[in-house]
């Protein structure tokens, strides 16, 4: 093999499976937990030359889960690639490895829907048919890339509604975000409506000091199989390529934003709502849309909503109670966390 031996190229390890969020503890079970796995010698490695297969140990979650999303901190160069796969265990029986994502320097793609008695994969999410308790992942690495860090966000099989999900942190906070309207991008109108995720990510990158342009980001995160720009894992992987820390996660209540809406950290929330559910919304209704959460005041939450028709309307306030419903309830708190390392 040319270059450094694989173990000399790995990311130094710390505790495997340690939660990335302090709030993700057994004492405070969230609608989902997010774990940051770093390469360790417990990983099984096979292969030689330019291709290696890296399989993680088995990880057990503190509660049974119904779905998971895998994110990677991967920095591909020309000639390098990464295939991510996930296996889940239900009642002591292991599934096959489901294919999740394929990454190269010039292309990213998901796979055709995979369904069997264990569950199914649709684009970026593995949905378990029954309660699962354990998982492990497999990475197929081509080229001289380091073994990436992996983030796994799981969603519990049984969840309880939090009675205080709409309570904002105390005081007020506004993080400066330069507004960009996806509706003003120099592409056909039909494509403009599909670019909320890369446009929101661009605003977050710029706010965190990484100069970016929305159409460049859109090209980099495009899922060539699903033909979408909103593959969650590909968007967070691109933020990692640009030198930030990013992963897919879920929030349980608005008060948790206090730790993650700072000059060094932003949250991109996935929202969905019908007509009349979100007062003064940039678009009347949507099954899925990304906005940058950048502050709060009293009963209002501050967002940069790229669907606004004009740049001057991108930064806006939404009622916190309504926003909690369209994000934490309708979309189970799904979000990208993007922050400086």
C-alpha atoms as a PDB file:
ATOM      1  CA  UNK A   1       0.000   0.000   0.000  1.00  0.00           C
ATOM      2  CA  UNK A   2       1.256   3.449  -0.901  1.00  0.00           C
ATOM      3  CA  UNK A   3       1.414   6.074   1.846  1.00  0.00           C
ATOM      4  CA  UNK A   4       0.994   5.744   5.584  1.00  0.00           C
ATOM      5  CA  UNK A   5      -0.277   2.481   7.099  1.00  0.00           C
ATOM      6  CA  UNK A   6      -3.997   2.602   7.781  1.00  0.00           C
ATOM      7  CA  UNK A   7      -3.633   2.769  11.563  1.00  0.00           C
ATOM      8  CA  UNK A   8      -1.303   5.721  11.279  1.00  0.00           C
ATOM      9  CA  UNK A   9      -3.911   7.521   9.213  1.00  0.00           C
ATOM     10  CA  UNK A  10      -6.786   7.064  11.617  1.00  0.00           C
ATOM     11  CA  UNK A  11      -8.325   9.725  13.827  1.00  0.00           C
ATOM     12  CA  UNK A  12      -7.102   9.350  17.451  1.00  0.00           C
ATOM     13  CA  UNK A  13      -9.733   7.676  19.555  1.00  0.00           C
ATOM     14  CA  UNK A  14     -11.491   8.655  22.718  1.00  0.00           C
ATOM     15  CA  UNK A  15     -14.417   6.855  24.347  1.00  0.00           C
ATOM     16  CA  UNK A  16     -16.371   5.007  21.694  1.00  0.00           C
ATOM     17  CA  UNK A  17     -20.031   5.797  21.434  1.00  0.00           C
ATOM     18  CA  UNK A  18     -19.816   8.821  23.712  1.00  0.00           C
ATOM     19  CA  UNK A  19     -22.806  11.123  23.198  1.00  0.00           C
ATOM     20  CA  UNK A  20     -21.929  14.247  21.240  1.00  0.00           C
ATOM     21  CA  UNK A  21     -24.472  16.232  23.278  1.00  0.00           C
ATOM     22  CA  UNK A  22     -24.252  16.612  27.047  1.00  0.00           C
ATOM     23  CA  UNK A  23     -28.065  16.511  27.016  1.00  0.00           C
ATOM     24  CA  UNK A  24     -28.011  12.988  25.554  1.00  0.00           C
ATOM     25  CA  UNK A  25     -27.724  10.987  28.748  1.00  0.00           C
ATOM     26  CA  UNK A  26     -29.635   8.001  30.049  1.00  0.00           C
ATOM     27  CA  UNK A  27     -31.136  10.291  32.706  1.00  0.00           C
ATOM     28  CA  UNK A  28     -32.537  12.556  29.959  1.00  0.00           C
ATOM     29  CA  UNK A  29     -33.779  10.328  27.151  1.00  0.00           C
ATOM     30  CA  UNK A  30     -34.405  12.412  24.042  1.00  0.00           C
ATOM     31  CA  UNK A  31     -36.703  11.682  21.133  1.00  0.00           C
ATOM     32  CA  UNK A  32     -33.407  10.576  19.647  1.00  0.00           C
ATOM     33  CA  UNK A  33     -29.820  10.177  20.788  1.00  0.00           C
ATOM     34  CA  UNK A  34     -26.747  11.199  18.807  1.00  0.00           C
ATOM     35  CA  UNK A  35     -23.484   9.327  19.251  1.00  0.00           C
ATOM     36  CA  UNK A  36     -20.043  10.270  17.961  1.00  0.00           C
ATOM     37  CA  UNK A  37     -17.919   7.225  17.121  1.00  0.00           C
ATOM     38  CA  UNK A  38     -14.195   7.651  16.542  1.00  0.00           C
ATOM     39  CA  UNK A  39     -11.973   4.955  14.984  1.00  0.00           C
ATOM     40  CA  UNK A  40     -10.359   2.580  17.454  1.00  0.00           C
ATOM     41  CA  UNK A  41      -8.365  -0.653  17.342  1.00  0.00           C
ATOM     42  CA  UNK A  42     -11.571  -2.533  18.205  1.00  0.00           C
ATOM     43  CA  UNK A  43     -12.629  -1.884  14.637  1.00  0.00           C
ATOM     44  CA  UNK A  44     -12.140  -4.848  12.281  1.00  0.00           C
ATOM     45  CA  UNK A  45     -10.138  -3.968   9.157  1.00  0.00           C
ATOM     46  CA  UNK A  46      -9.663  -6.072   6.059  1.00  0.00           C
ATOM     47  CA  UNK A  47      -8.282  -5.380   2.600  1.00  0.00           C
ATOM     48  CA  UNK A  48      -4.995  -4.246   1.172  1.00  0.00           C
ATOM     49  CA  UNK A  49      -3.627  -1.832  -1.366  1.00  0.00           C
ATOM     50  CA  UNK A  50      -6.087   0.957  -2.085  1.00  0.00           C
ATOM     51  CA  UNK A  51      -9.273  -0.566  -0.653  1.00  0.00           C
ATOM     52  CA  UNK A  52     -10.186  -1.362   2.950  1.00  0.00           C
ATOM     53  CA  UNK A  53     -13.328  -2.505   4.717  1.00  0.00           C
ATOM     54  CA  UNK A  54     -13.672  -1.154   8.257  1.00  0.00           C
ATOM     55  CA  UNK A  55     -16.326  -2.648  10.533  1.00  0.00           C
ATOM     56  CA  UNK A  56     -17.207  -1.115  13.884  1.00  0.00           C
ATOM     57  CA  UNK A  57     -17.813  -2.945  17.136  1.00  0.00           C
ATOM     58  CA  UNK A  58     -21.410  -3.528  18.246  1.00  0.00           C
ATOM     59  CA  UNK A  59     -23.052  -0.536  19.940  1.00  0.00           C
ATOM     60  CA  UNK A  60     -26.068  -0.880  22.208  1.00  0.00           C
ATOM     61  CA  UNK A  61     -28.424   2.024  22.840  1.00  0.00           C
ATOM     62  CA  UNK A  62     -30.013   2.763  26.243  1.00  0.00           C
ATOM     63  CA  UNK A  63     -33.466   2.455  24.692  1.00  0.00           C
ATOM     64  CA  UNK A  64     -34.882   0.546  21.725  1.00  0.00           C
ATOM     65  CA  UNK A  65     -34.927   2.558  18.501  1.00  0.00           C
ATOM     66  CA  UNK A  66     -37.077   2.672  15.380  1.00  0.00           C
ATOM     67  CA  UNK A  67     -34.816   4.564  12.975  1.00  0.00           C
ATOM     68  CA  UNK A  68     -31.333   5.962  12.565  1.00  0.00           C
ATOM     69  CA  UNK A  69     -29.348   8.349  10.386  1.00  0.00           C
ATOM     70  CA  UNK A  70     -25.594   8.076   9.889  1.00  0.00           C
ATOM     71  CA  UNK A  71     -23.372  11.126   9.286  1.00  0.00           C
ATOM     72  CA  UNK A  72     -19.648  11.113   8.498  1.00  0.00           C
ATOM     73  CA  UNK A  73     -16.766  13.542   8.892  1.00  0.00           C
ATOM     74  CA  UNK A  74     -15.234  12.635   5.533  1.00  0.00           C
ATOM     75  CA  UNK A  75     -12.838  14.666   3.398  1.00  0.00           C
ATOM     76  CA  UNK A  76     -12.577  13.022  -0.039  1.00  0.00           C
ATOM     77  CA  UNK A  77      -9.875  13.852  -2.553  1.00  0.00           C
ATOM     78  CA  UNK A  78      -9.576  12.826  -6.191  1.00  0.00           C
ATOM     79  CA  UNK A  79      -9.553   9.046  -6.521  1.00  0.00           C
ATOM     80  CA  UNK A  80     -10.938   8.424  -3.027  1.00  0.00           C
ATOM     81  CA  UNK A  81     -14.369   7.111  -2.078  1.00  0.00           C
ATOM     82  CA  UNK A  82     -16.414   5.982   0.910  1.00  0.00           C
ATOM     83  CA  UNK A  83     -19.370   3.601   1.102  1.00  0.00           C
ATOM     84  CA  UNK A  84     -21.346   3.612   4.362  1.00  0.00           C
ATOM     85  CA  UNK A  85     -23.501   0.669   5.482  1.00  0.00           C
ATOM     86  CA  UNK A  86     -25.457  -0.113   8.633  1.00  0.00           C
ATOM     87  CA  UNK A  87     -26.629  -3.313  10.320  1.00  0.00           C
ATOM     88  CA  UNK A  88     -29.242  -3.470  13.090  1.00  0.00           C
ATOM     89  CA  UNK A  89     -30.167  -6.121  15.668  1.00  0.00           C
ATOM     90  CA  UNK A  90     -33.752  -6.946  16.649  1.00  0.00           C
ATOM     91  CA  UNK A  91     -34.239  -9.388  19.526  1.00  0.00           C
ATOM     92  CA  UNK A  92     -30.794 -10.889  19.082  1.00  0.00           C
ATOM     93  CA  UNK A  93     -31.105 -11.365  15.315  1.00  0.00           C
ATOM     94  CA  UNK A  94     -28.953  -9.267  12.964  1.00  0.00           C
ATOM     95  CA  UNK A  95     -30.087  -7.799   9.672  1.00  0.00           C
ATOM     96  CA  UNK A  96     -27.996  -7.606   6.535  1.00  0.00           C
ATOM     97  CA  UNK A  97     -25.868  -4.521   5.988  1.00  0.00           C
ATOM     98  CA  UNK A  98     -28.048  -1.823   4.430  1.00  0.00           C
ATOM     99  CA  UNK A  99     -26.298   0.588   2.041  1.00  0.00           C
ATOM    100  CA  UNK A 100     -26.670   4.225   3.100  1.00  0.00           C
ATOM    101  CA  UNK A 101     -24.393   6.548   1.117  1.00  0.00           C
ATOM    102  CA  UNK A 102     -21.557   6.719  -1.375  1.00  0.00           C
ATOM    103  CA  UNK A 103     -19.148   9.661  -1.243  1.00  0.00           C
ATOM    104  CA  UNK A 104     -16.433  10.878  -3.636  1.00  0.00           C
ATOM    105  CA  UNK A 105     -14.812  14.241  -4.245  1.00  0.00           C
ATOM    106  CA  UNK A 106     -17.107  14.877  -7.211  1.00  0.00           C
ATOM    107  CA  UNK A 107     -20.224  12.838  -6.542  1.00  0.00           C
ATOM    108  CA  UNK A 108     -22.509  11.709  -3.740  1.00  0.00           C
ATOM    109  CA  UNK A 109     -25.371   9.255  -4.084  1.00  0.00           C
ATOM    110  CA  UNK A 110     -27.848   7.265  -2.059  1.00  0.00           C
ATOM    111  CA  UNK A 111     -29.267   3.932  -3.214  1.00  0.00           C
ATOM    112  CA  UNK A 112     -32.528   2.452  -4.413  1.00  0.00           C
ATOM    113  CA  UNK A 113     -35.000   1.757  -1.617  1.00  0.00           C
ATOM    114  CA  UNK A 114     -34.007  -1.366   0.326  1.00  0.00           C
ATOM    115  CA  UNK A 115     -36.749  -3.268   2.138  1.00  0.00           C
ATOM    116  CA  UNK A 116     -36.914  -6.621   3.919  1.00  0.00           C
ATOM    117  CA  UNK A 117     -38.328  -8.104   7.129  1.00  0.00           C
ATOM    118  CA  UNK A 118     -35.886  -6.044   9.236  1.00  0.00           C
ATOM    119  CA  UNK A 119     -36.721  -2.641   7.814  1.00  0.00           C
ATOM    120  CA  UNK A 120     -36.145  -0.279   4.938  1.00  0.00           C
ATOM    121  CA  UNK A 121     -33.861   2.499   3.775  1.00  0.00           C
ATOM    122  CA  UNK A 122     -35.260   5.556   2.055  1.00  0.00           C
ATOM    123  CA  UNK A 123     -32.566   7.999   0.912  1.00  0.00           C
ATOM    124  CA  UNK A 124     -30.764   8.882   4.171  1.00  0.00           C
ATOM    125  CA  UNK A 125     -32.732   7.052   6.886  1.00  0.00           C
ATOM    126  CA  UNK A 126     -32.797   3.420   7.997  1.00  0.00           C
ATOM    127  CA  UNK A 127     -36.229   2.592   9.401  1.00  0.00           C
ATOM    128  CA  UNK A 128     -36.473  -0.524  11.583  1.00  0.00           C
ATOM    129  CA  UNK A 129     -39.554  -2.744  11.165  1.00  0.00           C
ATOM    130  CA  UNK A 130     -39.465  -3.609  14.879  1.00  0.00           C
ATOM    131  CA  UNK A 131     -37.745  -2.285  17.969  1.00  0.00           C
ATOM    132  CA  UNK A 132     -33.964  -2.573  17.547  1.00  0.00           C
ATOM    133  CA  UNK A 133     -31.437  -2.476  20.380  1.00  0.00           C
ATOM    134  CA  UNK A 134     -28.019  -2.609  18.694  1.00  0.00           C
ATOM    135  CA  UNK A 135     -26.257  -1.432  15.556  1.00  0.00           C
ATOM    136  CA  UNK A 136     -22.902  -1.514  13.859  1.00  0.00           C
ATOM    137  CA  UNK A 137     -21.641   0.126  10.709  1.00  0.00           C
ATOM    138  CA  UNK A 138     -19.282  -0.766   7.912  1.00  0.00           C
ATOM    139  CA  UNK A 139     -17.125   1.612   5.888  1.00  0.00           C
ATOM    140  CA  UNK A 140     -15.566   0.688   2.567  1.00  0.00           C
ATOM    141  CA  UNK A 141     -12.706   3.116   1.925  1.00  0.00           C
ATOM    142  CA  UNK A 142     -10.903   3.484  -1.387  1.00  0.00           C
ATOM    143  CA  UNK A 143      -7.716   5.542  -1.599  1.00  0.00           C
ATOM    144  CA  UNK A 144      -5.616   7.186   1.070  1.00  0.00           C
ATOM    145  CA  UNK A 145      -8.427   8.835   3.039  1.00  0.00           C
ATOM    146  CA  UNK A 146      -8.379   8.554   6.827  1.00  0.00           C
ATOM    147  CA  UNK A 147     -11.021   6.482   8.569  1.00  0.00           C
ATOM    148  CA  UNK A 148     -13.768   9.054   9.196  1.00  0.00           C
ATOM    149  CA  UNK A 149     -15.526   9.837  12.431  1.00  0.00           C
ATOM    150  CA  UNK A 150     -19.114   8.621  12.364  1.00  0.00           C
ATOM    151  CA  UNK A 151     -22.200  10.139  13.985  1.00  0.00           C
ATOM    152  CA  UNK A 152     -25.284   8.001  14.521  1.00  0.00           C
ATOM    153  CA  UNK A 153     -28.611   9.607  15.396  1.00  0.00           C
ATOM    154  CA  UNK A 154     -31.226   7.129  16.631  1.00  0.00           C
ATOM    155  CA  UNK A 155     -34.924   7.722  17.223  1.00  0.00           C
ATOM    156  CA  UNK A 156     -36.514   5.741  20.114  1.00  0.00           C
ATOM    157  CA  UNK A 157     -39.194   3.167  19.387  1.00  0.00           C
ATOM    158  CA  UNK A 158     -41.328   4.540  22.205  1.00  0.00           C
ATOM    159  CA  UNK A 159     -41.394   8.254  22.901  1.00  0.00           C
ATOM    160  CA  UNK A 160     -43.262  10.569  25.214  1.00  0.00           C
ATOM    161  CA  UNK A 161     -44.488  14.046  24.351  1.00  0.00           C
ATOM    162  CA  UNK A 162     -42.596  16.670  26.320  1.00  0.00           C
ATOM    163  CA  UNK A 163     -45.052  19.110  27.948  1.00  0.00           C
ATOM    164  CA  UNK A 164     -42.509  21.960  27.859  1.00  0.00           C
ATOM    165  CA  UNK A 165     -41.200  21.504  24.337  1.00  0.00           C
ATOM    166  CA  UNK A 166     -42.169  25.060  23.316  1.00  0.00           C
ATOM    167  CA  UNK A 167     -40.418  26.931  26.166  1.00  0.00           C
ATOM    168  CA  UNK A 168     -37.537  29.048  24.861  1.00  0.00           C
ATOM    169  CA  UNK A 169     -34.320  29.752  26.791  1.00  0.00           C
ATOM    170  CA  UNK A 170     -34.347  32.784  29.063  1.00  0.00           C
ATOM    171  CA  UNK A 171     -33.592  36.259  27.743  1.00  0.00           C
ATOM    172  CA  UNK A 172     -32.892  36.905  24.096  1.00  0.00           C
ATOM    173  CA  UNK A 173     -30.153  36.051  21.622  1.00  0.00           C
ATOM    174  CA  UNK A 174     -29.531  36.904  17.997  1.00  0.00           C
ATOM    175  CA  UNK A 175     -26.695  35.423  15.952  1.00  0.00           C
ATOM    176  CA  UNK A 176     -25.791  37.431  12.863  1.00  0.00           C
ATOM    177  CA  UNK A 177     -26.694  35.550   9.685  1.00  0.00           C
ATOM    178  CA  UNK A 178     -26.463  37.098   6.227  1.00  0.00           C
ATOM    179  CA  UNK A 179     -29.778  36.414   4.474  1.00  0.00           C
ATOM    180  CA  UNK A 180     -29.995  34.530   1.169  1.00  0.00           C
ATOM    181  CA  UNK A 181     -33.260  33.805  -0.642  1.00  0.00           C
ATOM    182  CA  UNK A 182     -33.379  30.558  -2.581  1.00  0.00           C
ATOM    183  CA  UNK A 183     -36.108  32.176  -4.687  1.00  0.00           C
ATOM    184  CA  UNK A 184     -33.596  34.698  -6.061  1.00  0.00           C
ATOM    185  CA  UNK A 185     -30.923  32.227  -7.122  1.00  0.00           C
ATOM    186  CA  UNK A 186     -30.008  32.215 -10.808  1.00  0.00           C
ATOM    187  CA  UNK A 187     -31.711  28.927 -11.653  1.00  0.00           C
ATOM    188  CA  UNK A 188     -35.171  28.032 -13.036  1.00  0.00           C
ATOM    189  CA  UNK A 189     -38.073  28.556 -10.574  1.00  0.00           C
ATOM    190  CA  UNK A 190     -38.717  24.812 -10.271  1.00  0.00           C
ATOM    191  CA  UNK A 191     -35.153  24.316  -9.090  1.00  0.00           C
ATOM    192  CA  UNK A 192     -35.260  27.313  -6.739  1.00  0.00           C
ATOM    193  CA  UNK A 193     -37.984  25.598  -4.732  1.00  0.00           C
ATOM    194  CA  UNK A 194     -35.723  22.555  -4.185  1.00  0.00           C
ATOM    195  CA  UNK A 195     -32.733  24.415  -2.732  1.00  0.00           C
ATOM    196  CA  UNK A 196     -33.748  25.154   0.862  1.00  0.00           C
ATOM    197  CA  UNK A 197     -31.172  22.782   2.364  1.00  0.00           C
ATOM    198  CA  UNK A 198     -28.035  23.992   0.521  1.00  0.00           C
ATOM    199  CA  UNK A 199     -29.185  27.618   0.845  1.00  0.00           C
ATOM    200  CA  UNK A 200     -29.667  27.260   4.603  1.00  0.00           C
ATOM    201  CA  UNK A 201     -26.329  25.472   4.883  1.00  0.00           C
ATOM    202  CA  UNK A 202     -24.664  28.294   2.941  1.00  0.00           C
ATOM    203  CA  UNK A 203     -26.038  30.866   5.376  1.00  0.00           C
ATOM    204  CA  UNK A 204     -24.753  28.812   8.306  1.00  0.00           C
ATOM    205  CA  UNK A 205     -21.314  28.310   6.748  1.00  0.00           C
ATOM    206  CA  UNK A 206     -20.948  32.026   6.049  1.00  0.00           C
ATOM    207  CA  UNK A 207     -22.053  32.914   9.574  1.00  0.00           C
ATOM    208  CA  UNK A 208     -19.396  30.567  10.966  1.00  0.00           C
ATOM    209  CA  UNK A 209     -16.648  32.131   8.858  1.00  0.00           C
ATOM    210  CA  UNK A 210     -16.579  29.694   5.922  1.00  0.00           C
ATOM    211  CA  UNK A 211     -17.247  31.709   2.758  1.00  0.00           C
ATOM    212  CA  UNK A 212     -19.660  29.845   0.517  1.00  0.00           C
ATOM    213  CA  UNK A 213     -22.051  30.321  -2.400  1.00  0.00           C
ATOM    214  CA  UNK A 214     -25.419  28.526  -2.486  1.00  0.00           C
ATOM    215  CA  UNK A 215     -25.105  27.071  -5.981  1.00  0.00           C
ATOM    216  CA  UNK A 216     -21.622  25.732  -5.191  1.00  0.00           C
ATOM    217  CA  UNK A 217     -22.990  24.111  -2.051  1.00  0.00           C
ATOM    218  CA  UNK A 218     -25.970  22.731  -3.987  1.00  0.00           C
ATOM    219  CA  UNK A 219     -23.664  21.074  -6.490  1.00  0.00           C
ATOM    220  CA  UNK A 220     -21.538  19.579  -3.700  1.00  0.00           C
ATOM    221  CA  UNK A 221     -24.475  18.068  -1.747  1.00  0.00           C
ATOM    222  CA  UNK A 222     -26.513  16.836  -4.719  1.00  0.00           C
ATOM    223  CA  UNK A 223     -27.707  13.241  -4.383  1.00  0.00           C
ATOM    224  CA  UNK A 224     -27.324  11.921  -7.910  1.00  0.00           C
ATOM    225  CA  UNK A 225     -29.466   8.843  -7.270  1.00  0.00           C
ATOM    226  CA  UNK A 226     -32.422  10.463  -5.481  1.00  0.00           C
ATOM    227  CA  UNK A 227     -31.937  13.647  -7.555  1.00  0.00           C
ATOM    228  CA  UNK A 228     -32.354  15.870  -4.506  1.00  0.00           C
ATOM    229  CA  UNK A 229     -30.329  18.527  -2.700  1.00  0.00           C
ATOM    230  CA  UNK A 230     -31.717  17.725   0.742  1.00  0.00           C
ATOM    231  CA  UNK A 231     -29.992  14.465   1.643  1.00  0.00           C
ATOM    232  CA  UNK A 232     -29.267  15.144   5.321  1.00  0.00           C
ATOM    233  CA  UNK A 233     -26.064  13.126   5.505  1.00  0.00           C
ATOM    234  CA  UNK A 234     -24.580  14.702   2.387  1.00  0.00           C
ATOM    235  CA  UNK A 235     -25.243  18.226   3.657  1.00  0.00           C
ATOM    236  CA  UNK A 236     -23.536  17.621   6.993  1.00  0.00           C
ATOM    237  CA  UNK A 237     -20.650  15.785   5.281  1.00  0.00           C
ATOM    238  CA  UNK A 238     -20.030  18.834   3.116  1.00  0.00           C
ATOM    239  CA  UNK A 239     -19.886  21.102   6.179  1.00  0.00           C
ATOM    240  CA  UNK A 240     -17.246  18.736   7.580  1.00  0.00           C
ATOM    241  CA  UNK A 241     -15.331  18.923   4.278  1.00  0.00           C
ATOM    242  CA  UNK A 242     -15.224  22.694   4.772  1.00  0.00           C
ATOM    243  CA  UNK A 243     -13.559  22.339   8.167  1.00  0.00           C
ATOM    244  CA  UNK A 244     -16.540  22.434  10.537  1.00  0.00           C
ATOM    245  CA  UNK A 245     -18.123  19.823  12.765  1.00  0.00           C
ATOM    246  CA  UNK A 246     -21.576  18.775  11.597  1.00  0.00           C
ATOM    247  CA  UNK A 247     -24.036  15.942  12.034  1.00  0.00           C
ATOM    248  CA  UNK A 248     -27.700  15.039  11.775  1.00  0.00           C
ATOM    249  CA  UNK A 249     -29.428  15.084  15.145  1.00  0.00           C
ATOM    250  CA  UNK A 250     -32.790  15.664  16.808  1.00  0.00           C
ATOM    251  CA  UNK A 251     -33.943  18.041  19.515  1.00  0.00           C
ATOM    252  CA  UNK A 252     -36.591  17.448  22.143  1.00  0.00           C
ATOM    253  CA  UNK A 253     -37.448  20.961  23.280  1.00  0.00           C
ATOM    254  CA  UNK A 254     -36.697  24.563  22.340  1.00  0.00           C
ATOM    255  CA  UNK A 255     -34.853  25.231  25.599  1.00  0.00           C
ATOM    256  CA  UNK A 256     -32.019  22.986  24.362  1.00  0.00           C
ATOM    257  CA  UNK A 257     -31.166  25.611  21.738  1.00  0.00           C
ATOM    258  CA  UNK A 258     -29.353  27.702  24.348  1.00  0.00           C
ATOM    259  CA  UNK A 259     -26.215  25.520  24.074  1.00  0.00           C
ATOM    260  CA  UNK A 260     -26.226  25.261  20.294  1.00  0.00           C
ATOM    261  CA  UNK A 261     -27.228  28.697  19.019  1.00  0.00           C
ATOM    262  CA  UNK A 262     -24.004  30.655  19.598  1.00  0.00           C
ATOM    263  CA  UNK A 263     -21.474  32.616  17.525  1.00  0.00           C
ATOM    264  CA  UNK A 264     -19.702  29.259  17.009  1.00  0.00           C
ATOM    265  CA  UNK A 265     -22.703  26.999  16.443  1.00  0.00           C
ATOM    266  CA  UNK A 266     -25.990  26.988  14.522  1.00  0.00           C
ATOM    267  CA  UNK A 267     -28.947  24.644  14.138  1.00  0.00           C
ATOM    268  CA  UNK A 268     -30.696  24.024  10.821  1.00  0.00           C
ATOM    269  CA  UNK A 269     -34.193  22.791  11.627  1.00  0.00           C
ATOM    270  CA  UNK A 270     -36.369  20.582   9.427  1.00  0.00           C
ATOM    271  CA  UNK A 271     -39.965  21.792   9.539  1.00  0.00           C
ATOM    272  CA  UNK A 272     -43.208  20.591   8.007  1.00  0.00           C
ATOM    273  CA  UNK A 273     -46.678  22.125   8.208  1.00  0.00           C
ATOM    274  CA  UNK A 274     -50.028  22.596   6.563  1.00  0.00           C
ATOM    275  CA  UNK A 275     -51.812  25.796   5.632  1.00  0.00           C
ATOM    276  CA  UNK A 276     -52.314  28.034   8.669  1.00  0.00           C
ATOM    277  CA  UNK A 277     -50.048  26.054  11.023  1.00  0.00           C
ATOM    278  CA  UNK A 278     -47.175  28.575  10.932  1.00  0.00           C
ATOM    279  CA  UNK A 279     -48.271  32.207  11.011  1.00  0.00           C
ATOM    280  CA  UNK A 280     -46.610  34.468   8.409  1.00  0.00           C
ATOM    281  CA  UNK A 281     -44.651  31.536   7.009  1.00  0.00           C
ATOM    282  CA  UNK A 282     -42.475  32.184   3.963  1.00  0.00           C
ATOM    283  CA  UNK A 283     -44.344  29.433   2.125  1.00  0.00           C
ATOM    284  CA  UNK A 284     -47.942  28.458   2.865  1.00  0.00           C
ATOM    285  CA  UNK A 285     -47.320  24.761   3.465  1.00  0.00           C
ATOM    286  CA  UNK A 286     -44.577  22.168   3.085  1.00  0.00           C
ATOM    287  CA  UNK A 287     -43.925  18.512   3.827  1.00  0.00           C
ATOM    288  CA  UNK A 288     -40.257  19.299   4.512  1.00  0.00           C
ATOM    289  CA  UNK A 289     -38.231  22.515   4.602  1.00  0.00           C
ATOM    290  CA  UNK A 290     -34.927  23.691   6.147  1.00  0.00           C
ATOM    291  CA  UNK A 291     -34.416  26.953   8.043  1.00  0.00           C
ATOM    292  CA  UNK A 292     -31.513  28.314  10.092  1.00  0.00           C
ATOM    293  CA  UNK A 293     -32.428  28.887  13.736  1.00  0.00           C
ATOM    294  CA  UNK A 294     -30.430  31.932  14.819  1.00  0.00           C
ATOM    295  CA  UNK A 295     -32.020  33.350  17.958  1.00  0.00           C
ATOM    296  CA  UNK A 296     -35.024  33.998  20.150  1.00  0.00           C
ATOM    297  CA  UNK A 297     -36.814  36.705  22.137  1.00  0.00           C
ATOM    298  CA  UNK A 298     -39.790  36.318  24.491  1.00  0.00           C
ATOM    299  CA  UNK A 299     -42.307  34.052  22.703  1.00  0.00           C
ATOM    300  CA  UNK A 300     -40.615  34.407  19.314  1.00  0.00           C
ATOM    301  CA  UNK A 301     -37.963  32.344  17.606  1.00  0.00           C
ATOM    302  CA  UNK A 302     -35.625  33.963  15.079  1.00  0.00           C
ATOM    303  CA  UNK A 303     -34.889  32.105  11.835  1.00  0.00           C
ATOM    304  CA  UNK A 304     -33.318  32.673   8.452  1.00  0.00           C
ATOM    305  CA  UNK A 305     -35.944  31.188   6.135  1.00  0.00           C
ATOM    306  CA  UNK A 306     -34.525  30.827   2.603  1.00  0.00           C
ATOM    307  CA  UNK A 307     -38.004  30.393   1.085  1.00  0.00           C
ATOM    308  CA  UNK A 308     -38.782  34.109   1.505  1.00  0.00           C
ATOM    309  CA  UNK A 309     -39.390  35.710  -1.877  1.00  0.00           C
ATOM    310  CA  UNK A 310     -37.133  38.666  -1.075  1.00  0.00           C
ATOM    311  CA  UNK A 311     -33.788  38.851   0.699  1.00  0.00           C
ATOM    312  CA  UNK A 312     -35.149  41.425   3.151  1.00  0.00           C
ATOM    313  CA  UNK A 313     -37.763  38.944   4.389  1.00  0.00           C
ATOM    314  CA  UNK A 314     -35.432  35.995   4.977  1.00  0.00           C
ATOM    315  CA  UNK A 315     -34.712  36.942   8.603  1.00  0.00           C
ATOM    316  CA  UNK A 316     -38.008  36.670  10.440  1.00  0.00           C
ATOM    317  CA  UNK A 317     -39.692  35.723  13.696  1.00  0.00           C
ATOM    318  CA  UNK A 318     -42.012  32.748  14.134  1.00  0.00           C
ATOM    319  CA  UNK A 319     -44.222  32.104  17.118  1.00  0.00           C
ATOM    320  CA  UNK A 320     -42.345  29.680  19.395  1.00  0.00           C
ATOM    321  CA  UNK A 321     -45.389  27.523  20.154  1.00  0.00           C
ATOM    322  CA  UNK A 322     -46.178  27.109  16.453  1.00  0.00           C
ATOM    323  CA  UNK A 323     -42.532  26.520  15.564  1.00  0.00           C
ATOM    324  CA  UNK A 324     -42.231  23.816  18.222  1.00  0.00           C
ATOM    325  CA  UNK A 325     -45.222  22.066  16.676  1.00  0.00           C
ATOM    326  CA  UNK A 326     -43.967  22.166  13.067  1.00  0.00           C
ATOM    327  CA  UNK A 327     -40.410  21.170  14.035  1.00  0.00           C
ATOM    328  CA  UNK A 328     -40.404  19.125  17.244  1.00  0.00           C
ATOM    329  CA  UNK A 329     -43.739  17.397  16.716  1.00  0.00           C
ATOM    330  CA  UNK A 330     -44.283  17.249  12.948  1.00  0.00           C
ATOM    331  CA  UNK A 331     -40.622  16.476  12.084  1.00  0.00           C
ATOM    332  CA  UNK A 332     -39.519  14.888  15.385  1.00  0.00           C
ATOM    333  CA  UNK A 333     -36.943  17.651  16.021  1.00  0.00           C
ATOM    334  CA  UNK A 334     -34.736  16.677  13.062  1.00  0.00           C
ATOM    335  CA  UNK A 335     -31.895  19.115  12.449  1.00  0.00           C
ATOM    336  CA  UNK A 336     -28.335  19.650  11.248  1.00  0.00           C
ATOM    337  CA  UNK A 337     -25.961  20.806  13.946  1.00  0.00           C
ATOM    338  CA  UNK A 338     -23.129  22.823  12.360  1.00  0.00           C
ATOM    339  CA  UNK A 339     -20.395  24.323  14.519  1.00  0.00           C
ATOM    340  CA  UNK A 340     -16.748  25.258  14.688  1.00  0.00           C
ATOM    341  CA  UNK A 341     -14.358  22.581  15.897  1.00  0.00           C
END
